N, C-alpha and C. Protein backbone atom coordinates (compact mmCIF):
# COMPACT_ATOMS: atom_id res chain seq x y z
N MET A 1 102.65 31.74 21.70
CA MET A 1 103.97 32.17 21.28
C MET A 1 104.98 31.85 22.36
N GLY A 2 106.19 31.56 21.93
CA GLY A 2 107.25 31.31 22.88
C GLY A 2 107.70 32.59 23.55
N LEU A 3 108.47 32.45 24.61
CA LEU A 3 108.93 33.59 25.38
C LEU A 3 109.67 34.61 24.51
N PHE A 4 110.47 34.13 23.56
CA PHE A 4 111.27 35.03 22.73
C PHE A 4 110.77 35.11 21.29
N SER A 5 109.57 34.62 21.03
CA SER A 5 109.00 34.69 19.69
C SER A 5 108.59 36.12 19.37
N PRO A 6 108.70 36.50 18.10
CA PRO A 6 108.30 37.87 17.73
C PRO A 6 106.79 38.04 17.82
N ALA A 7 106.36 39.28 17.98
CA ALA A 7 104.92 39.57 17.96
C ALA A 7 104.39 39.19 16.58
N ARG A 8 103.18 38.68 16.56
CA ARG A 8 102.59 38.28 15.28
C ARG A 8 102.36 39.50 14.40
N ASP A 9 102.82 39.41 13.17
CA ASP A 9 102.67 40.49 12.21
C ASP A 9 102.35 39.90 10.84
N PRO A 10 101.09 39.94 10.41
CA PRO A 10 100.70 39.34 9.13
C PRO A 10 101.33 39.99 7.91
N GLN A 11 102.10 41.07 8.12
CA GLN A 11 102.80 41.69 7.00
C GLN A 11 104.30 41.38 7.00
N ASP A 12 104.77 40.67 8.02
CA ASP A 12 106.17 40.30 8.13
C ASP A 12 106.46 39.15 7.15
N PRO A 13 107.33 39.37 6.16
CA PRO A 13 107.59 38.32 5.17
C PRO A 13 108.08 37.00 5.78
N ARG A 14 108.91 37.06 6.80
CA ARG A 14 109.41 35.81 7.41
C ARG A 14 108.27 35.03 8.07
N GLN A 15 107.37 35.73 8.75
CA GLN A 15 106.24 35.05 9.38
C GLN A 15 105.28 34.48 8.32
N LEU A 16 105.08 35.22 7.24
CA LEU A 16 104.24 34.70 6.15
C LEU A 16 104.88 33.48 5.51
N GLN A 17 106.19 33.51 5.36
CA GLN A 17 106.93 32.37 4.79
C GLN A 17 106.69 31.12 5.64
N ILE A 18 106.75 31.26 6.94
CA ILE A 18 106.52 30.13 7.85
C ILE A 18 105.08 29.65 7.72
N ALA A 19 104.13 30.58 7.68
CA ALA A 19 102.72 30.21 7.57
C ALA A 19 102.44 29.49 6.26
N VAL A 20 103.00 29.98 5.16
CA VAL A 20 102.82 29.33 3.86
C VAL A 20 103.40 27.92 3.91
N HIS A 21 104.56 27.78 4.53
CA HIS A 21 105.20 26.47 4.67
C HIS A 21 104.26 25.48 5.39
N GLU A 22 103.73 25.90 6.53
CA GLU A 22 102.85 25.00 7.30
C GLU A 22 101.56 24.69 6.54
N LEU A 23 101.01 25.69 5.87
CA LEU A 23 99.80 25.46 5.07
C LEU A 23 100.08 24.53 3.91
N GLY A 24 101.28 24.59 3.35
CA GLY A 24 101.66 23.65 2.28
C GLY A 24 101.64 22.22 2.77
N HIS A 25 102.21 21.98 3.96
CA HIS A 25 102.12 20.64 4.56
C HIS A 25 100.66 20.23 4.71
N ALA A 26 99.88 21.12 5.30
CA ALA A 26 98.49 20.79 5.64
C ALA A 26 97.69 20.41 4.40
N TRP A 27 97.78 21.22 3.36
CA TRP A 27 96.99 20.92 2.16
C TRP A 27 97.49 19.66 1.45
N ALA A 28 98.80 19.44 1.44
CA ALA A 28 99.33 18.22 0.82
C ALA A 28 98.86 16.98 1.58
N TRP A 29 98.89 17.05 2.91
CA TRP A 29 98.42 15.91 3.71
C TRP A 29 96.91 15.74 3.59
N LYS A 30 96.17 16.83 3.57
CA LYS A 30 94.71 16.73 3.42
C LYS A 30 94.35 16.06 2.10
N GLU A 31 95.04 16.45 1.03
CA GLU A 31 94.81 15.82 -0.28
C GLU A 31 95.14 14.33 -0.23
N GLY A 32 96.04 13.95 0.65
CA GLY A 32 96.44 12.55 0.80
C GLY A 32 95.54 11.75 1.74
N GLY A 33 94.47 12.36 2.22
CA GLY A 33 93.51 11.64 3.04
C GLY A 33 93.63 11.85 4.53
N PHE A 34 94.57 12.66 4.97
CA PHE A 34 94.70 12.93 6.40
C PHE A 34 93.68 13.99 6.82
N ARG A 35 93.24 13.89 8.04
CA ARG A 35 92.42 14.96 8.62
C ARG A 35 93.38 15.90 9.35
N ILE A 36 93.24 17.18 9.09
CA ILE A 36 94.11 18.18 9.72
C ILE A 36 93.44 18.61 11.01
N LEU A 37 94.08 18.32 12.13
CA LEU A 37 93.52 18.65 13.43
C LEU A 37 93.82 20.09 13.82
N GLU A 38 95.02 20.57 13.46
CA GLU A 38 95.39 21.93 13.84
C GLU A 38 96.64 22.37 13.07
N ILE A 39 96.66 23.64 12.72
CA ILE A 39 97.85 24.26 12.14
C ILE A 39 98.22 25.40 13.07
N LEU A 40 99.45 25.37 13.58
CA LEU A 40 99.92 26.38 14.54
C LEU A 40 101.01 27.24 13.94
N HIS A 41 101.04 28.50 14.38
CA HIS A 41 102.09 29.45 14.01
C HIS A 41 102.44 30.21 15.29
N THR A 42 103.72 30.18 15.65
CA THR A 42 104.13 30.82 16.91
C THR A 42 104.83 32.15 16.71
N GLY A 43 104.99 32.57 15.49
CA GLY A 43 105.73 33.79 15.20
C GLY A 43 107.05 33.47 14.54
N ASP A 44 107.76 32.46 15.06
CA ASP A 44 109.03 32.08 14.44
C ASP A 44 109.11 30.59 14.12
N SER A 45 107.99 29.88 14.26
CA SER A 45 107.94 28.47 13.87
C SER A 45 106.47 28.07 13.71
N GLY A 46 106.26 26.84 13.35
CA GLY A 46 104.90 26.35 13.19
C GLY A 46 104.87 24.84 13.15
N GLU A 47 103.67 24.30 13.16
CA GLU A 47 103.52 22.85 13.04
C GLU A 47 102.09 22.51 12.63
N VAL A 48 101.97 21.33 12.04
CA VAL A 48 100.66 20.81 11.63
C VAL A 48 100.43 19.51 12.37
N THR A 49 99.26 19.38 12.97
CA THR A 49 98.88 18.14 13.64
C THR A 49 97.81 17.46 12.79
N THR A 50 98.04 16.18 12.49
CA THR A 50 97.09 15.40 11.69
C THR A 50 96.58 14.22 12.52
N ASN A 51 95.71 13.46 11.89
CA ASN A 51 95.20 12.25 12.54
C ASN A 51 96.05 11.03 12.21
N ARG A 52 97.28 11.22 11.76
CA ARG A 52 98.14 10.10 11.36
C ARG A 52 98.28 9.04 12.45
N LYS A 53 98.48 9.45 13.67
CA LYS A 53 98.66 8.47 14.75
C LYS A 53 97.38 7.69 15.00
N GLN A 54 96.23 8.34 14.81
CA GLN A 54 94.95 7.65 15.00
C GLN A 54 94.71 6.65 13.88
N ARG A 55 95.25 6.89 12.70
CA ARG A 55 95.02 6.04 11.54
C ARG A 55 95.93 4.82 11.54
N GLY A 56 96.95 4.81 12.36
CA GLY A 56 97.91 3.72 12.29
C GLY A 56 98.93 4.01 11.20
N TRP A 57 99.62 2.98 10.78
CA TRP A 57 100.71 3.17 9.82
C TRP A 57 100.71 2.00 8.86
N ASP A 58 100.52 2.26 7.59
CA ASP A 58 100.65 1.24 6.56
C ASP A 58 101.33 1.88 5.35
N GLU A 59 101.50 1.12 4.30
CA GLU A 59 102.22 1.59 3.12
C GLU A 59 101.59 2.86 2.52
N GLU A 60 100.28 2.87 2.38
CA GLU A 60 99.59 4.02 1.78
C GLU A 60 99.73 5.27 2.65
N ILE A 61 99.56 5.10 3.95
CA ILE A 61 99.67 6.25 4.86
C ILE A 61 101.11 6.78 4.86
N ALA A 62 102.08 5.86 4.85
CA ALA A 62 103.48 6.27 4.83
C ALA A 62 103.80 7.03 3.53
N TRP A 63 103.28 6.55 2.41
CA TRP A 63 103.48 7.20 1.11
C TRP A 63 102.94 8.63 1.15
N GLU A 64 101.70 8.78 1.64
CA GLU A 64 101.06 10.11 1.70
C GLU A 64 101.77 11.02 2.71
N TYR A 65 102.24 10.44 3.80
CA TYR A 65 103.00 11.23 4.78
C TYR A 65 104.25 11.80 4.12
N CYS A 66 104.95 10.98 3.35
CA CYS A 66 106.18 11.41 2.68
C CYS A 66 105.91 12.56 1.72
N ILE A 67 104.82 12.49 0.99
CA ILE A 67 104.47 13.56 0.07
C ILE A 67 104.21 14.86 0.85
N GLY A 68 103.47 14.75 1.93
CA GLY A 68 103.18 15.93 2.76
C GLY A 68 104.42 16.54 3.38
N CYS A 69 105.43 15.72 3.63
CA CYS A 69 106.69 16.26 4.16
C CYS A 69 107.28 17.30 3.21
N TRP A 70 107.06 17.14 1.91
CA TRP A 70 107.58 18.09 0.93
C TRP A 70 106.61 19.23 0.65
N GLY A 71 105.36 19.13 1.09
CA GLY A 71 104.39 20.18 0.84
C GLY A 71 104.81 21.53 1.38
N GLY A 72 105.43 21.54 2.55
CA GLY A 72 105.88 22.79 3.14
C GLY A 72 106.97 23.46 2.32
N PHE A 73 107.97 22.69 1.93
CA PHE A 73 109.07 23.22 1.14
C PHE A 73 108.56 23.76 -0.19
N GLU A 74 107.70 22.98 -0.86
CA GLU A 74 107.21 23.39 -2.18
C GLU A 74 106.37 24.66 -2.10
N ALA A 75 105.53 24.78 -1.07
CA ALA A 75 104.73 25.99 -0.90
C ALA A 75 105.63 27.19 -0.60
N GLU A 76 106.58 26.99 0.30
CA GLU A 76 107.51 28.06 0.66
C GLU A 76 108.31 28.52 -0.55
N ASP A 77 108.79 27.57 -1.36
CA ASP A 77 109.58 27.91 -2.54
C ASP A 77 108.73 28.70 -3.54
N ARG A 78 107.50 28.28 -3.76
CA ARG A 78 106.63 29.01 -4.69
C ARG A 78 106.35 30.42 -4.18
N TRP A 79 106.09 30.54 -2.88
CA TRP A 79 105.81 31.86 -2.29
C TRP A 79 107.03 32.78 -2.44
N MET A 80 108.21 32.25 -2.13
CA MET A 80 109.43 33.06 -2.21
C MET A 80 109.69 33.53 -3.64
N ARG A 81 109.53 32.63 -4.61
CA ARG A 81 109.73 33.02 -6.01
C ARG A 81 108.68 34.02 -6.46
N THR A 82 107.42 33.80 -6.08
CA THR A 82 106.32 34.67 -6.49
C THR A 82 106.51 36.10 -5.99
N PHE A 83 107.00 36.24 -4.77
CA PHE A 83 107.11 37.56 -4.15
C PHE A 83 108.53 38.11 -4.11
N GLY A 84 109.41 37.53 -4.93
CA GLY A 84 110.75 38.09 -5.11
C GLY A 84 111.69 37.92 -3.94
N HIS A 85 111.53 36.85 -3.18
CA HIS A 85 112.40 36.60 -2.02
C HIS A 85 113.43 35.50 -2.29
N GLY A 86 113.64 35.16 -3.56
CA GLY A 86 114.61 34.12 -3.88
C GLY A 86 113.97 32.74 -3.91
N ARG A 87 114.66 31.78 -3.34
CA ARG A 87 114.20 30.39 -3.32
C ARG A 87 114.23 29.87 -1.88
N ALA A 88 113.44 28.84 -1.63
CA ALA A 88 113.46 28.17 -0.33
C ALA A 88 114.79 27.45 -0.16
N HIS A 89 115.23 27.34 1.07
CA HIS A 89 116.49 26.66 1.38
C HIS A 89 116.20 25.32 2.05
N ARG A 90 116.86 24.29 1.58
CA ARG A 90 116.65 22.95 2.14
C ARG A 90 116.98 22.92 3.63
N GLY A 91 117.92 23.72 4.06
CA GLY A 91 118.29 23.74 5.48
C GLY A 91 117.13 24.14 6.38
N ASP A 92 116.26 25.03 5.88
CA ASP A 92 115.09 25.44 6.66
C ASP A 92 114.08 24.31 6.80
N SER A 93 114.19 23.32 5.92
CA SER A 93 113.26 22.18 5.93
C SER A 93 113.97 20.88 6.33
N ALA A 94 115.09 21.00 7.00
CA ALA A 94 115.90 19.82 7.33
C ALA A 94 115.11 18.78 8.11
N HIS A 95 114.28 19.22 9.04
CA HIS A 95 113.48 18.27 9.83
C HIS A 95 112.51 17.51 8.93
N ASP A 96 111.84 18.23 8.05
CA ASP A 96 110.88 17.61 7.13
C ASP A 96 111.58 16.65 6.17
N ILE A 97 112.73 17.08 5.64
CA ILE A 97 113.48 16.24 4.71
C ILE A 97 113.98 14.98 5.42
N GLY A 98 114.42 15.14 6.65
CA GLY A 98 114.84 13.97 7.44
C GLY A 98 113.71 13.01 7.66
N ASN A 99 112.52 13.52 7.96
CA ASN A 99 111.35 12.65 8.14
C ASN A 99 111.03 11.92 6.84
N PHE A 100 111.06 12.66 5.72
CA PHE A 100 110.82 12.02 4.42
C PHE A 100 111.79 10.87 4.20
N LYS A 101 113.07 11.13 4.36
CA LYS A 101 114.09 10.11 4.10
C LYS A 101 113.91 8.90 5.00
N HIS A 102 113.62 9.13 6.26
CA HIS A 102 113.45 8.03 7.22
C HIS A 102 112.27 7.14 6.83
N VAL A 103 111.14 7.76 6.53
CA VAL A 103 109.94 6.97 6.21
C VAL A 103 110.04 6.37 4.81
N ALA A 104 110.53 7.13 3.84
CA ALA A 104 110.62 6.65 2.46
C ALA A 104 111.54 5.43 2.35
N ARG A 105 112.56 5.37 3.18
CA ARG A 105 113.47 4.22 3.18
C ARG A 105 112.74 2.91 3.43
N GLY A 106 111.67 2.97 4.24
CA GLY A 106 110.94 1.76 4.60
C GLY A 106 109.81 1.39 3.65
N LEU A 107 109.56 2.20 2.64
CA LEU A 107 108.47 1.91 1.71
C LEU A 107 108.84 0.76 0.78
N GLU A 108 107.89 -0.15 0.60
CA GLU A 108 108.09 -1.23 -0.36
C GLU A 108 108.04 -0.68 -1.78
N SER A 109 107.06 0.16 -2.06
CA SER A 109 106.97 0.81 -3.37
C SER A 109 107.75 2.11 -3.27
N LYS A 110 108.92 2.12 -3.82
CA LYS A 110 109.85 3.23 -3.64
C LYS A 110 109.26 4.55 -4.10
N LEU A 111 109.53 5.58 -3.30
CA LEU A 111 109.09 6.94 -3.60
C LEU A 111 110.32 7.82 -3.60
N SER A 112 110.70 8.30 -4.79
CA SER A 112 111.88 9.16 -4.89
C SER A 112 111.55 10.56 -4.38
N GLU A 113 112.59 11.28 -4.05
CA GLU A 113 112.41 12.67 -3.65
C GLU A 113 111.76 13.46 -4.78
N GLY A 114 112.21 13.24 -6.00
CA GLY A 114 111.66 13.97 -7.15
C GLY A 114 110.17 13.73 -7.33
N LYS A 115 109.75 12.47 -7.21
CA LYS A 115 108.33 12.15 -7.38
C LYS A 115 107.51 12.74 -6.24
N ALA A 116 107.99 12.61 -5.00
CA ALA A 116 107.27 13.17 -3.85
C ALA A 116 107.14 14.68 -3.99
N ARG A 117 108.20 15.34 -4.40
CA ARG A 117 108.16 16.80 -4.57
C ARG A 117 107.20 17.20 -5.68
N SER A 118 107.20 16.44 -6.76
CA SER A 118 106.30 16.74 -7.88
C SER A 118 104.84 16.64 -7.46
N ILE A 119 104.51 15.58 -6.74
CA ILE A 119 103.13 15.41 -6.26
C ILE A 119 102.77 16.51 -5.27
N ALA A 120 103.69 16.81 -4.36
CA ALA A 120 103.45 17.87 -3.37
C ALA A 120 103.26 19.21 -4.08
N ARG A 121 104.08 19.49 -5.08
CA ARG A 121 103.98 20.75 -5.83
C ARG A 121 102.61 20.86 -6.50
N THR A 122 102.12 19.77 -7.06
CA THR A 122 100.80 19.76 -7.70
C THR A 122 99.71 20.03 -6.67
N ARG A 123 99.81 19.40 -5.51
CA ARG A 123 98.80 19.60 -4.46
C ARG A 123 98.82 21.03 -3.94
N VAL A 124 100.00 21.58 -3.77
CA VAL A 124 100.13 22.97 -3.33
C VAL A 124 99.51 23.89 -4.38
N GLY A 125 99.81 23.63 -5.64
CA GLY A 125 99.27 24.46 -6.71
C GLY A 125 97.76 24.45 -6.75
N LYS A 126 97.18 23.31 -6.48
CA LYS A 126 95.72 23.17 -6.47
C LYS A 126 95.08 24.07 -5.41
N HIS A 127 95.78 24.31 -4.32
CA HIS A 127 95.25 25.08 -3.18
C HIS A 127 95.97 26.41 -2.99
N TRP A 128 96.70 26.86 -4.01
CA TRP A 128 97.53 28.04 -3.87
C TRP A 128 96.75 29.28 -3.42
N SER A 129 95.60 29.53 -4.04
CA SER A 129 94.84 30.73 -3.65
C SER A 129 94.37 30.64 -2.20
N GLN A 130 94.04 29.44 -1.75
CA GLN A 130 93.64 29.27 -0.35
C GLN A 130 94.83 29.50 0.58
N ILE A 131 96.00 28.99 0.20
CA ILE A 131 97.20 29.17 1.01
C ILE A 131 97.51 30.66 1.16
N LEU A 132 97.45 31.39 0.05
CA LEU A 132 97.73 32.83 0.11
C LEU A 132 96.72 33.58 0.96
N ARG A 133 95.47 33.17 0.89
CA ARG A 133 94.42 33.82 1.69
C ARG A 133 94.54 33.46 3.17
N GLN A 134 94.92 32.22 3.47
CA GLN A 134 94.97 31.75 4.85
C GLN A 134 96.24 32.14 5.60
N ALA A 135 97.33 32.37 4.89
CA ALA A 135 98.62 32.63 5.55
C ALA A 135 98.56 33.84 6.49
N PRO A 136 98.05 35.00 6.07
CA PRO A 136 98.00 36.13 7.01
C PRO A 136 97.09 35.85 8.21
N LEU A 137 96.03 35.08 8.00
CA LEU A 137 95.13 34.73 9.10
C LEU A 137 95.83 33.82 10.10
N LEU A 138 96.62 32.88 9.58
CA LEU A 138 97.37 31.99 10.46
C LEU A 138 98.37 32.78 11.29
N VAL A 139 99.06 33.71 10.66
CA VAL A 139 100.01 34.55 11.41
C VAL A 139 99.26 35.35 12.48
N ARG A 140 98.18 36.00 12.08
CA ARG A 140 97.43 36.86 13.01
C ARG A 140 96.86 36.08 14.19
N ASP A 141 96.22 34.94 13.90
CA ASP A 141 95.49 34.20 14.93
C ASP A 141 96.32 33.13 15.64
N GLY A 142 97.41 32.70 15.02
CA GLY A 142 98.27 31.70 15.64
C GLY A 142 97.82 30.27 15.41
N ARG A 143 96.62 30.09 14.90
CA ARG A 143 96.13 28.74 14.57
C ARG A 143 95.00 28.87 13.58
N ILE A 144 94.85 27.82 12.82
CA ILE A 144 93.79 27.79 11.82
C ILE A 144 93.45 26.32 11.56
N SER A 145 92.27 26.08 11.07
CA SER A 145 91.93 24.72 10.66
C SER A 145 91.42 24.77 9.23
N ILE A 146 91.61 23.68 8.53
CA ILE A 146 91.12 23.60 7.15
C ILE A 146 90.28 22.35 6.99
């Protein structure tokens, strides 16, 4: 945890929201063929480390990376709607959306935001029960692997 990060609380809705977001990325990327090396939660942020750099970069990997960029937003949005917290905000995912736009621009086979989000939403849905079960563990332990 960072110096000013909140204490981990698996019942804190904001921390669960962050954990669900990171797990959404992880499951979307895993479905796309990436190996998930680590999922981190610091209390007020998180990140997923994959084997993307080890795999190199080609059209298929870039396509799957773009889909995974939306996995976090789609998982967060579903969680927020399910538990009565409204909807996810694009501003909270600005970094992910920026990564999507940057990489998608270079794809030969164009991938629209709508298509990437739809695929990510399907992947998140496939693993929804796992995401819900893993989110409090990720908050409590600060890291998890899938």
